[in-house]
Amino acid sequence: MNELFKYTGCGLDYIYLAGGYEIKETPFGEGVTIHNLEGLHDAIMNDLVCNKPNWTGAELRFIRKELGLTQKSLGMFVSRDAQTVALWEKDKQPVPEESTNIIRGIYLSRKNGSVKLEKMLIRINDLDRQISHLKKQAYTSDGENWHTIKAA
């Protein structure tokens, strides 16, 4: 078995590999080939999301990037702005538990082949934005049912 290799390519400074890699000499010096890099990142992601209750900023950044999200798009899912996500990733503020739970849900729904949760979160955030712009909403009754009066 190879000795442990410190893998820093994911942005986490505590990941070590006990196998699944080769060290090779290249014209530019020593290089490393990681076998099934995508599988390694999946394993790290799954461990973080399913087994770690609180995340560091570096862990959140890894998770966000693995989900293919920008700081802005992640912020939209958790009703925060990109600057707040950046503060979390810099360990300037802790990630609120409700935000980690939403991120866990996004990961698990994608892992199970569904994006329904993401679509629902986008819809909720859209509705929140619409409501915050709403000053007055009028309704009318036709005797049996109530209906929204469309704004002019």
Protein backbone atom coordinates (compact mmCIF):
# COMPACT_ATOMS: atom_id res chain seq x y z
CA MET A 1 0.00 0.00 0.00
CA ASN A 2 1.21 3.51 -0.80
CA GLU A 3 1.89 5.93 2.02
CA LEU A 4 -0.83 8.49 2.78
CA PHE A 5 -1.00 11.29 0.25
CA LYS A 6 -2.29 14.69 1.33
CA TYR A 7 -4.88 15.68 -1.29
CA THR A 8 -5.39 19.45 -1.39
CA GLY A 9 -7.02 19.71 -4.83
CA CYS A 10 -10.45 19.91 -3.23
CA GLY A 11 -9.57 22.94 -1.10
CA LEU A 12 -9.71 20.97 2.17
CA ASP A 13 -6.42 20.62 4.02
CA TYR A 14 -7.24 17.45 5.95
CA ILE A 15 -7.97 14.96 3.15
CA TYR A 16 -5.51 12.07 2.84
CA LEU A 17 -5.58 9.20 0.37
CA ALA A 18 -4.48 5.68 1.32
CA GLY A 19 -4.57 4.50 -2.30
CA GLY A 20 -6.15 5.30 -5.64
CA TYR A 21 -3.35 7.57 -6.80
CA GLU A 22 -0.01 7.36 -8.60
CA ILE A 23 2.98 9.64 -8.26
CA LYS A 24 4.73 10.11 -11.60
CA GLU A 25 7.77 11.97 -12.81
CA THR A 26 6.96 14.59 -15.43
CA PRO A 27 9.15 17.06 -17.36
CA PHE A 28 7.96 19.66 -14.82
CA GLY A 29 8.72 17.60 -11.73
CA GLU A 30 6.69 15.18 -9.66
CA GLY A 31 3.01 14.86 -10.56
CA VAL A 32 0.09 12.96 -9.11
CA THR A 33 -2.70 11.13 -10.90
CA ILE A 34 -5.85 10.55 -8.85
CA HIS A 35 -7.90 7.60 -10.07
CA ASN A 36 -11.65 8.30 -10.29
CA LEU A 37 -11.41 11.88 -9.06
CA GLU A 38 -15.16 12.36 -9.49
CA GLY A 39 -15.79 9.35 -7.23
CA LEU A 40 -13.39 10.77 -4.62
CA HIS A 41 -15.21 14.10 -4.63
CA ASP A 42 -18.55 12.27 -4.36
CA ALA A 43 -17.26 10.39 -1.31
CA ILE A 44 -15.99 13.60 0.34
CA MET A 45 -19.27 15.38 -0.45
CA ASN A 46 -21.39 12.54 0.91
CA ASP A 47 -19.33 12.40 4.11
CA LEU A 48 -19.61 16.15 4.68
CA VAL A 49 -23.33 16.34 3.97
CA CYS A 50 -24.40 13.16 5.75
CA ASN A 51 -21.95 12.93 8.66
CA LYS A 52 -20.72 16.40 9.62
CA PRO A 53 -23.14 18.57 11.61
CA ASN A 54 -21.32 21.89 11.11
CA TRP A 55 -19.21 23.01 8.17
CA THR A 56 -16.15 25.21 7.95
CA GLY A 57 -16.03 27.88 5.27
CA ALA A 58 -13.72 25.70 3.13
CA GLU A 59 -16.16 22.79 3.43
CA LEU A 60 -19.09 24.97 2.40
CA ARG A 61 -17.09 26.24 -0.61
CA PHE A 62 -16.30 22.63 -1.61
CA ILE A 63 -19.98 21.66 -1.30
CA ARG A 64 -21.15 24.72 -3.24
CA LYS A 65 -18.68 24.09 -6.06
CA GLU A 66 -19.55 20.37 -6.22
CA LEU A 67 -23.22 21.36 -6.53
CA GLY A 68 -22.22 23.65 -9.40
CA LEU A 69 -23.58 26.75 -7.69
CA THR A 70 -22.26 30.29 -7.55
CA GLN A 71 -22.32 32.20 -4.28
CA LYS A 72 -25.26 34.15 -5.67
CA SER A 73 -27.27 31.06 -6.67
CA LEU A 74 -26.59 29.32 -3.35
CA GLY A 75 -27.63 32.51 -1.59
CA MET A 76 -30.92 32.52 -3.49
CA PHE A 77 -31.70 28.99 -2.27
CA VAL A 78 -31.12 29.98 1.37
CA SER A 79 -32.60 33.51 1.12
CA ARG A 80 -29.25 35.26 1.57
CA ASP A 81 -27.11 37.39 -0.72
CA ALA A 82 -23.79 36.41 -2.29
CA GLN A 83 -21.88 38.57 0.20
CA THR A 84 -23.29 36.57 3.11
CA VAL A 85 -22.28 33.29 1.45
CA ALA A 86 -18.79 34.76 0.92
CA LEU A 87 -18.61 35.61 4.65
CA TRP A 88 -19.57 32.04 5.52
CA GLU A 89 -16.90 30.68 3.18
CA LYS A 90 -14.29 32.96 4.79
CA ASP A 91 -15.36 31.74 8.28
CA LYS A 92 -16.40 35.31 9.16
CA GLN A 93 -19.92 34.15 10.10
CA PRO A 94 -21.25 30.68 10.95
CA VAL A 95 -23.59 29.04 8.46
CA PRO A 96 -27.09 29.00 10.03
CA GLU A 97 -28.50 25.54 10.66
CA GLU A 98 -31.55 26.18 8.46
CA SER A 99 -29.23 27.02 5.56
CA THR A 100 -27.15 23.86 6.03
CA ASN A 101 -30.37 21.84 6.13
CA ILE A 102 -31.52 23.33 2.82
CA ILE A 103 -28.12 22.62 1.23
CA ARG A 104 -28.23 19.05 2.56
CA GLY A 105 -31.70 18.69 1.03
CA ILE A 106 -30.49 19.96 -2.35
CA TYR A 107 -27.60 17.48 -2.33
CA LEU A 108 -29.76 14.53 -1.28
CA SER A 109 -32.50 15.33 -3.80
CA ARG A 110 -29.92 15.53 -6.60
CA LYS A 111 -28.31 12.31 -5.39
CA ASN A 112 -31.71 10.62 -5.64
CA GLY A 113 -32.23 12.01 -9.16
CA SER A 114 -34.78 14.69 -8.33
CA VAL A 115 -34.72 18.47 -8.60
CA LYS A 116 -38.20 18.97 -7.14
CA LEU A 117 -36.80 20.47 -3.92
CA GLU A 118 -34.72 22.99 -5.88
CA LYS A 119 -37.72 24.00 -7.99
CA MET A 120 -39.84 24.37 -4.85
CA LEU A 121 -37.18 26.55 -3.17
CA ILE A 122 -36.91 28.75 -6.26
CA ARG A 123 -40.72 29.14 -6.32
CA ILE A 124 -40.85 30.00 -2.60
CA ASN A 125 -38.11 32.62 -3.03
CA ASP A 126 -39.91 34.08 -6.05
CA LEU A 127 -43.11 34.34 -4.03
CA ASP A 128 -41.25 35.95 -1.13
CA ARG A 129 -39.87 38.60 -3.48
CA GLN A 130 -43.33 39.23 -4.97
CA ILE A 131 -44.89 39.57 -1.52
CA SER A 132 -42.21 41.99 -0.36
CA HIS A 133 -43.08 44.27 -3.31
CA LEU A 134 -46.81 44.00 -2.70
CA LYS A 135 -48.27 47.08 -1.03
CA LYS A 136 -51.97 46.38 -1.36
CA GLN A 137 -53.90 43.42 -2.73
CA ALA A 138 -57.64 43.61 -3.37
CA TYR A 139 -60.16 40.75 -3.57
CA THR A 140 -63.73 40.60 -4.77
CA SER A 141 -66.52 38.14 -4.20
CA ASP A 142 -68.95 36.87 -6.81
CA GLY A 143 -71.28 35.65 -4.06
CA GLU A 144 -69.72 32.18 -3.82
CA ASN A 145 -65.96 32.57 -4.23
CA TRP A 146 -63.33 35.19 -3.65
CA HIS A 147 -61.00 36.28 -6.46
CA THR A 148 -57.94 38.44 -6.73
CA ILE A 149 -58.46 41.71 -8.51
CA LYS A 150 -55.66 42.05 -11.02
CA ALA A 151 -53.50 45.12 -10.55
CA ALA A 152 -53.82 47.69 -13.32
